[in-house]
Amino acid sequence: MATEHILKLTCDICRTHSESAYSWARIHISGSTKSVGLMPDRNYDLCPECWRAVHKMIHKSPADTTKR
């Protein structure tokens, strides 16, 4: 008798649930700063909407962040 493994993902930002991993992102955040471990490392599962926002924020140029 075979058992089915059902994948259930929960977004760590908005808490959306899904049974499909299609276009989800798993990101790793390092807790170290200048080789000093200040916080523990964490892995996050992000839904497509939250990943799009985080990806956009990460790839902003420094010139974009100084404009206000």
PDB file of N, CA and C in Angstrom:
ATOM      1  N   MET A   1       0.837  -1.180   0.000  1.00  0.00           N
ATOM      2  CA  MET A   1       0.000   0.000   0.000  1.00  0.00           C
ATOM      3  C   MET A   1       0.881   1.243   0.000  1.00  0.00           C
ATOM      4  N   ALA A   2       0.761   2.030  -1.029  1.00  0.00           N
ATOM      5  CA  ALA A   2       1.583   3.236  -1.164  1.00  0.00           C
ATOM      6  C   ALA A   2       0.910   4.403  -0.452  1.00  0.00           C
ATOM      7  N   THR A   3       1.725   5.209   0.176  1.00  0.00           N
ATOM      8  CA  THR A   3       1.188   6.403   0.829  1.00  0.00           C
ATOM      9  C   THR A   3       1.526   7.611  -0.014  1.00  0.00           C
ATOM     10  N   GLU A   4       0.591   8.524  -0.111  1.00  0.00           N
ATOM     11  CA  GLU A   4       0.819   9.746  -0.871  1.00  0.00           C
ATOM     12  C   GLU A   4       1.382  10.810   0.040  1.00  0.00           C
ATOM     13  N   HIS A   5       2.348  11.519  -0.478  1.00  0.00           N
ATOM     14  CA  HIS A   5       2.891  12.655   0.263  1.00  0.00           C
ATOM     15  C   HIS A   5       2.295  13.913  -0.352  1.00  0.00           C
ATOM     16  N   ILE A   6       1.478  14.601   0.419  1.00  0.00           N
ATOM     17  CA  ILE A   6       0.851  15.826  -0.070  1.00  0.00           C
ATOM     18  C   ILE A   6       1.675  17.006   0.418  1.00  0.00           C
ATOM     19  N   LEU A   7       2.137  17.790  -0.530  1.00  0.00           N
ATOM     20  CA  LEU A   7       2.950  18.957  -0.236  1.00  0.00           C
ATOM     21  C   LEU A   7       2.038  20.127   0.125  1.00  0.00           C
ATOM     22  N   LYS A   8       2.231  20.683   1.286  1.00  0.00           N
ATOM     23  CA  LYS A   8       1.474  21.863   1.689  1.00  0.00           C
ATOM     24  C   LYS A   8       2.482  22.940   2.056  1.00  0.00           C
ATOM     25  N   LEU A   9       2.436  24.034   1.350  1.00  0.00           N
ATOM     26  CA  LEU A   9       3.335  25.150   1.619  1.00  0.00           C
ATOM     27  C   LEU A   9       2.560  26.287   2.264  1.00  0.00           C
ATOM     28  N   THR A  10       3.220  27.005   3.138  1.00  0.00           N
ATOM     29  CA  THR A  10       2.658  28.207   3.738  1.00  0.00           C
ATOM     30  C   THR A  10       3.671  29.318   3.563  1.00  0.00           C
ATOM     31  N   CYS A  11       3.227  30.429   2.993  1.00  0.00           N
ATOM     32  CA  CYS A  11       4.116  31.575   2.811  1.00  0.00           C
ATOM     33  C   CYS A  11       4.472  32.141   4.180  1.00  0.00           C
ATOM     34  N   ASP A  12       5.753  32.400   4.397  1.00  0.00           N
ATOM     35  CA  ASP A  12       6.211  32.917   5.684  1.00  0.00           C
ATOM     36  C   ASP A  12       5.933  34.403   5.862  1.00  0.00           C
ATOM     37  N   ILE A  13       5.468  35.086   4.829  1.00  0.00           N
ATOM     38  CA  ILE A  13       5.143  36.502   4.945  1.00  0.00           C
ATOM     39  C   ILE A  13       3.637  36.708   5.073  1.00  0.00           C
ATOM     40  N   CYS A  14       2.868  36.215   4.113  1.00  0.00           N
ATOM     41  CA  CYS A  14       1.421  36.486   4.110  1.00  0.00           C
ATOM     42  C   CYS A  14       0.581  35.301   4.593  1.00  0.00           C
ATOM     43  N   ARG A  15       1.215  34.176   4.888  1.00  0.00           N
ATOM     44  CA  ARG A  15       0.537  32.978   5.399  1.00  0.00           C
ATOM     45  C   ARG A  15      -0.451  32.350   4.427  1.00  0.00           C
ATOM     46  N   THR A  16      -0.261  32.551   3.120  1.00  0.00           N
ATOM     47  CA  THR A  16      -1.072  31.904   2.103  1.00  0.00           C
ATOM     48  C   THR A  16      -0.703  30.428   2.050  1.00  0.00           C
ATOM     49  N   HIS A  17      -1.683  29.551   1.891  1.00  0.00           N
ATOM     50  CA  HIS A  17      -1.451  28.110   1.794  1.00  0.00           C
ATOM     51  C   HIS A  17      -1.562  27.662   0.347  1.00  0.00           C
ATOM     52  N   SER A  18      -0.774  26.652  -0.014  1.00  0.00           N
ATOM     53  CA  SER A  18      -0.838  26.093  -1.356  1.00  0.00           C
ATOM     54  C   SER A  18      -0.396  24.639  -1.325  1.00  0.00           C
ATOM     55  N   GLU A  19      -0.942  23.865  -2.243  1.00  0.00           N
ATOM     56  CA  GLU A  19      -0.518  22.474  -2.389  1.00  0.00           C
ATOM     57  C   GLU A  19       0.419  22.304  -3.576  1.00  0.00           C
ATOM     58  N   SER A  20       0.680  23.367  -4.306  1.00  0.00           N
ATOM     59  CA  SER A  20       1.568  23.332  -5.455  1.00  0.00           C
ATOM     60  C   SER A  20       2.773  24.224  -5.189  1.00  0.00           C
ATOM     61  N   ALA A  21       3.952  23.724  -5.512  1.00  0.00           N
ATOM     62  CA  ALA A  21       5.167  24.507  -5.309  1.00  0.00           C
ATOM     63  C   ALA A  21       5.533  25.316  -6.549  1.00  0.00           C
ATOM     64  N   TYR A  22       4.637  25.348  -7.534  1.00  0.00           N
ATOM     65  CA  TYR A  22       4.932  26.041  -8.782  1.00  0.00           C
ATOM     66  C   TYR A  22       5.137  27.527  -8.524  1.00  0.00           C
ATOM     67  N   SER A  23       6.254  28.059  -8.931  1.00  0.00           N
ATOM     68  CA  SER A  23       6.693  29.452  -8.853  1.00  0.00           C
ATOM     69  C   SER A  23       6.874  29.970  -7.433  1.00  0.00           C
ATOM     70  N   TRP A  24       6.963  29.075  -6.457  1.00  0.00           N
ATOM     71  CA  TRP A  24       7.292  29.494  -5.107  1.00  0.00           C
ATOM     72  C   TRP A  24       8.807  29.620  -4.992  1.00  0.00           C
ATOM     73  N   ALA A  25       9.270  30.401  -4.039  1.00  0.00           N
ATOM     74  CA  ALA A  25      10.707  30.593  -3.843  1.00  0.00           C
ATOM     75  C   ALA A  25      11.087  30.180  -2.428  1.00  0.00           C
ATOM     76  N   ARG A  26      12.251  29.571  -2.296  1.00  0.00           N
ATOM     77  CA  ARG A  26      12.816  29.304  -0.978  1.00  0.00           C
ATOM     78  C   ARG A  26      14.081  30.142  -0.898  1.00  0.00           C
ATOM     79  N   ILE A  27      14.102  31.066   0.046  1.00  0.00           N
ATOM     80  CA  ILE A  27      15.273  31.929   0.194  1.00  0.00           C
ATOM     81  C   ILE A  27      15.941  31.651   1.533  1.00  0.00           C
ATOM     82  N   HIS A  28      17.231  31.873   1.566  1.00  0.00           N
ATOM     83  CA  HIS A  28      18.025  31.664   2.779  1.00  0.00           C
ATOM     84  C   HIS A  28      18.547  33.018   3.233  1.00  0.00           C
ATOM     85  N   ILE A  29      18.273  33.353   4.484  1.00  0.00           N
ATOM     86  CA  ILE A  29      18.769  34.607   5.065  1.00  0.00           C
ATOM     87  C   ILE A  29      19.866  34.249   6.058  1.00  0.00           C
ATOM     88  N   SER A  30      21.040  34.785   5.819  1.00  0.00           N
ATOM     89  CA  SER A  30      22.174  34.550   6.709  1.00  0.00           C
ATOM     90  C   SER A  30      22.109  35.535   7.873  1.00  0.00           C
ATOM     91  N   GLY A  31      22.293  35.039   9.069  1.00  0.00           N
ATOM     92  CA  GLY A  31      22.227  35.897  10.247  1.00  0.00           C
ATOM     93  C   GLY A  31      23.561  36.511  10.616  1.00  0.00           C
ATOM     94  N   SER A  32      24.591  36.245   9.835  1.00  0.00           N
ATOM     95  CA  SER A  32      25.905  36.780  10.191  1.00  0.00           C
ATOM     96  C   SER A  32      26.160  38.128   9.531  1.00  0.00           C
ATOM     97  N   THR A  33      26.856  38.960  10.243  1.00  0.00           N
ATOM     98  CA  THR A  33      27.273  40.259   9.742  1.00  0.00           C
ATOM     99  C   THR A  33      28.769  40.376   9.974  1.00  0.00           C
ATOM    100  N   LYS A  34      29.516  40.544   8.907  1.00  0.00           N
ATOM    101  CA  LYS A  34      30.978  40.639   8.982  1.00  0.00           C
ATOM    102  C   LYS A  34      31.560  39.451   9.738  1.00  0.00           C
ATOM    103  N   SER A  35      31.117  38.251   9.386  1.00  0.00           N
ATOM    104  CA  SER A  35      31.608  36.989   9.947  1.00  0.00           C
ATOM    105  C   SER A  35      31.259  36.784  11.423  1.00  0.00           C
ATOM    106  N   VAL A  36      30.320  37.583  11.937  1.00  0.00           N
ATOM    107  CA  VAL A  36      29.874  37.407  13.315  1.00  0.00           C
ATOM    108  C   VAL A  36      28.418  36.978  13.271  1.00  0.00           C
ATOM    109  N   GLY A  37      28.097  35.839  13.875  1.00  0.00           N
ATOM    110  CA  GLY A  37      26.728  35.339  13.864  1.00  0.00           C
ATOM    111  C   GLY A  37      25.873  36.061  14.882  1.00  0.00           C
ATOM    112  N   LEU A  38      25.129  37.069  14.432  1.00  0.00           N
ATOM    113  CA  LEU A  38      24.283  37.833  15.344  1.00  0.00           C
ATOM    114  C   LEU A  38      22.892  37.226  15.486  1.00  0.00           C
ATOM    115  N   MET A  39      22.405  36.627  14.423  1.00  0.00           N
ATOM    116  CA  MET A  39      21.080  36.017  14.425  1.00  0.00           C
ATOM    117  C   MET A  39      21.205  34.636  13.788  1.00  0.00           C
ATOM    118  N   PRO A  40      20.279  33.739  14.088  1.00  0.00           N
ATOM    119  CA  PRO A  40      20.337  32.429  13.430  1.00  0.00           C
ATOM    120  C   PRO A  40      19.959  32.523  11.958  1.00  0.00           C
ATOM    121  N   ASP A  41      20.525  31.625  11.158  1.00  0.00           N
ATOM    122  CA  ASP A  41      20.158  31.557   9.743  1.00  0.00           C
ATOM    123  C   ASP A  41      18.728  31.038   9.632  1.00  0.00           C
ATOM    124  N   ARG A  42      17.998  31.498   8.606  1.00  0.00           N
ATOM    125  CA  ARG A  42      16.616  31.061   8.416  1.00  0.00           C
ATOM    126  C   ARG A  42      16.356  30.798   6.948  1.00  0.00           C
ATOM    127  N   ASN A  43      15.482  29.857   6.677  1.00  0.00           N
ATOM    128  CA  ASN A  43      14.971  29.601   5.337  1.00  0.00           C
ATOM    129  C   ASN A  43      13.523  30.044   5.303  1.00  0.00           C
ATOM    130  N   TYR A  44      13.123  30.707   4.226  1.00  0.00           N
ATOM    131  CA  TYR A  44      11.757  31.189   4.071  1.00  0.00           C
ATOM    132  C   TYR A  44      11.159  30.632   2.788  1.00  0.00           C
ATOM    133  N   ASP A  45       9.910  30.211   2.855  1.00  0.00           N
ATOM    134  CA  ASP A  45       9.132  29.851   1.672  1.00  0.00           C
ATOM    135  C   ASP A  45       8.252  31.037   1.343  1.00  0.00           C
ATOM    136  N   LEU A  46       8.339  31.530   0.096  1.00  0.00           N
ATOM    137  CA  LEU A  46       7.575  32.710  -0.298  1.00  0.00           C
ATOM    138  C   LEU A  46       6.674  32.392  -1.482  1.00  0.00           C
ATOM    139  N   CYS A  47       5.421  32.861  -1.400  1.00  0.00           N
ATOM    140  CA  CYS A  47       4.493  32.700  -2.511  1.00  0.00           C
ATOM    141  C   CYS A  47       4.929  33.637  -3.649  1.00  0.00           C
ATOM    142  N   PRO A  48       4.390  33.467  -4.847  1.00  0.00           N
ATOM    143  CA  PRO A  48       4.827  34.290  -5.980  1.00  0.00           C
ATOM    144  C   PRO A  48       4.654  35.793  -5.757  1.00  0.00           C
ATOM    145  N   GLU A  49       3.572  36.208  -5.106  1.00  0.00           N
ATOM    146  CA  GLU A  49       3.342  37.647  -4.897  1.00  0.00           C
ATOM    147  C   GLU A  49       4.365  38.236  -3.925  1.00  0.00           C
ATOM    148  N   CYS A  50       4.614  37.546  -2.825  1.00  0.00           N
ATOM    149  CA  CYS A  50       5.595  38.045  -1.854  1.00  0.00           C
ATOM    150  C   CYS A  50       7.014  37.977  -2.416  1.00  0.00           C
ATOM    151  N   TRP A  51       7.325  36.918  -3.175  1.00  0.00           N
ATOM    152  CA  TRP A  51       8.653  36.809  -3.772  1.00  0.00           C
ATOM    153  C   TRP A  51       8.886  37.942  -4.762  1.00  0.00           C
ATOM    154  N   ARG A  52       7.874  38.302  -5.535  1.00  0.00           N
ATOM    155  CA  ARG A  52       8.010  39.389  -6.501  1.00  0.00           C
ATOM    156  C   ARG A  52       8.363  40.698  -5.782  1.00  0.00           C
ATOM    157  N   ALA A  53       7.696  40.975  -4.657  1.00  0.00           N
ATOM    158  CA  ALA A  53       7.971  42.210  -3.909  1.00  0.00           C
ATOM    159  C   ALA A  53       9.365  42.195  -3.290  1.00  0.00           C
ATOM    160  N   VAL A  54       9.762  41.063  -2.709  1.00  0.00           N
ATOM    161  CA  VAL A  54      11.092  40.963  -2.100  1.00  0.00           C
ATOM    162  C   VAL A  54      12.178  41.052  -3.168  1.00  0.00           C
ATOM    163  N   HIS A  55      11.978  40.379  -4.276  1.00  0.00           N
ATOM    164  CA  HIS A  55      12.952  40.394  -5.373  1.00  0.00           C
ATOM    165  C   HIS A  55      13.129  41.812  -5.906  1.00  0.00           C
ATOM    166  N   LYS A  56      12.028  42.533  -6.039  1.00  0.00           N
ATOM    167  CA  LYS A  56      12.093  43.915  -6.523  1.00  0.00           C
ATOM    168  C   LYS A  56      12.853  44.796  -5.537  1.00  0.00           C
ATOM    169  N   MET A  57      12.615  44.584  -4.233  1.00  0.00           N
ATOM    170  CA  MET A  57      13.290  45.381  -3.211  1.00  0.00           C
ATOM    171  C   MET A  57      14.787  45.071  -3.183  1.00  0.00           C
ATOM    172  N   ILE A  58      15.150  43.802  -3.350  1.00  0.00           N
ATOM    173  CA  ILE A  58      16.558  43.405  -3.309  1.00  0.00           C
ATOM    174  C   ILE A  58      17.330  43.997  -4.485  1.00  0.00           C
ATOM    175  N   HIS A  59      16.694  44.050  -5.644  1.00  0.00           N
ATOM    176  CA  HIS A  59      17.397  44.483  -6.853  1.00  0.00           C
ATOM    177  C   HIS A  59      17.219  45.964  -7.183  1.00  0.00           C
ATOM    178  N   LYS A  60      16.753  46.767  -6.237  1.00  0.00           N
ATOM    179  CA  LYS A  60      16.712  48.214  -6.462  1.00  0.00           C
ATOM    180  C   LYS A  60      18.131  48.757  -6.451  1.00  0.00           C
ATOM    181  N   SER A  61      18.378  49.694  -7.316  1.00  0.00           N
ATOM    182  CA  SER A  61      19.704  50.291  -7.336  1.00  0.00           C
ATOM    183  C   SER A  61      19.826  51.283  -6.184  1.00  0.00           C
ATOM    184  N   PRO A  62      21.039  51.571  -5.712  1.00  0.00           N
ATOM    185  CA  PRO A  62      21.222  52.546  -4.635  1.00  0.00           C
ATOM    186  C   PRO A  62      20.681  53.933  -5.010  1.00  0.00           C
ATOM    187  N   ALA A  63      20.689  54.283  -6.289  1.00  0.00           N
ATOM    188  CA  ALA A  63      20.148  55.565  -6.710  1.00  0.00           C
ATOM    189  C   ALA A  63      18.636  55.620  -6.501  1.00  0.00           C
ATOM    190  N   ASP A  64      17.966  54.491  -6.707  1.00  0.00           N
ATOM    191  CA  ASP A  64      16.521  54.433  -6.498  1.00  0.00           C
ATOM    192  C   ASP A  64      16.158  54.585  -5.031  1.00  0.00           C
ATOM    193  N   THR A  65      16.997  54.099  -4.131  1.00  0.00           N
ATOM    194  CA  THR A  65      16.680  54.158  -2.705  1.00  0.00           C
ATOM    195  C   THR A  65      16.911  55.543  -2.134  1.00  0.00           C
ATOM    196  N   THR A  66      17.776  56.359  -2.771  1.00  0.00           N
ATOM    197  CA  THR A  66      18.014  57.701  -2.240  1.00  0.00           C
ATOM    198  C   THR A  66      16.995  58.704  -2.764  1.00  0.00           C
ATOM    199  N   LYS A  67      16.287  58.389  -3.843  1.00  0.00           N
ATOM    200  CA  LYS A  67      15.259  59.290  -4.353  1.00  0.00           C
ATOM    201  C   LYS A  67      14.046  59.252  -3.443  1.00  0.00           C
ATOM    202  N   ARG A  68      13.528  60.397  -3.114  1.00  0.00           N
ATOM    203  CA  ARG A  68      12.304  60.454  -2.287  1.00  0.00           C
ATOM    204  C   ARG A  68      11.479  61.622  -2.711  1.00  0.00           C
TER     205      ARG A  68
END
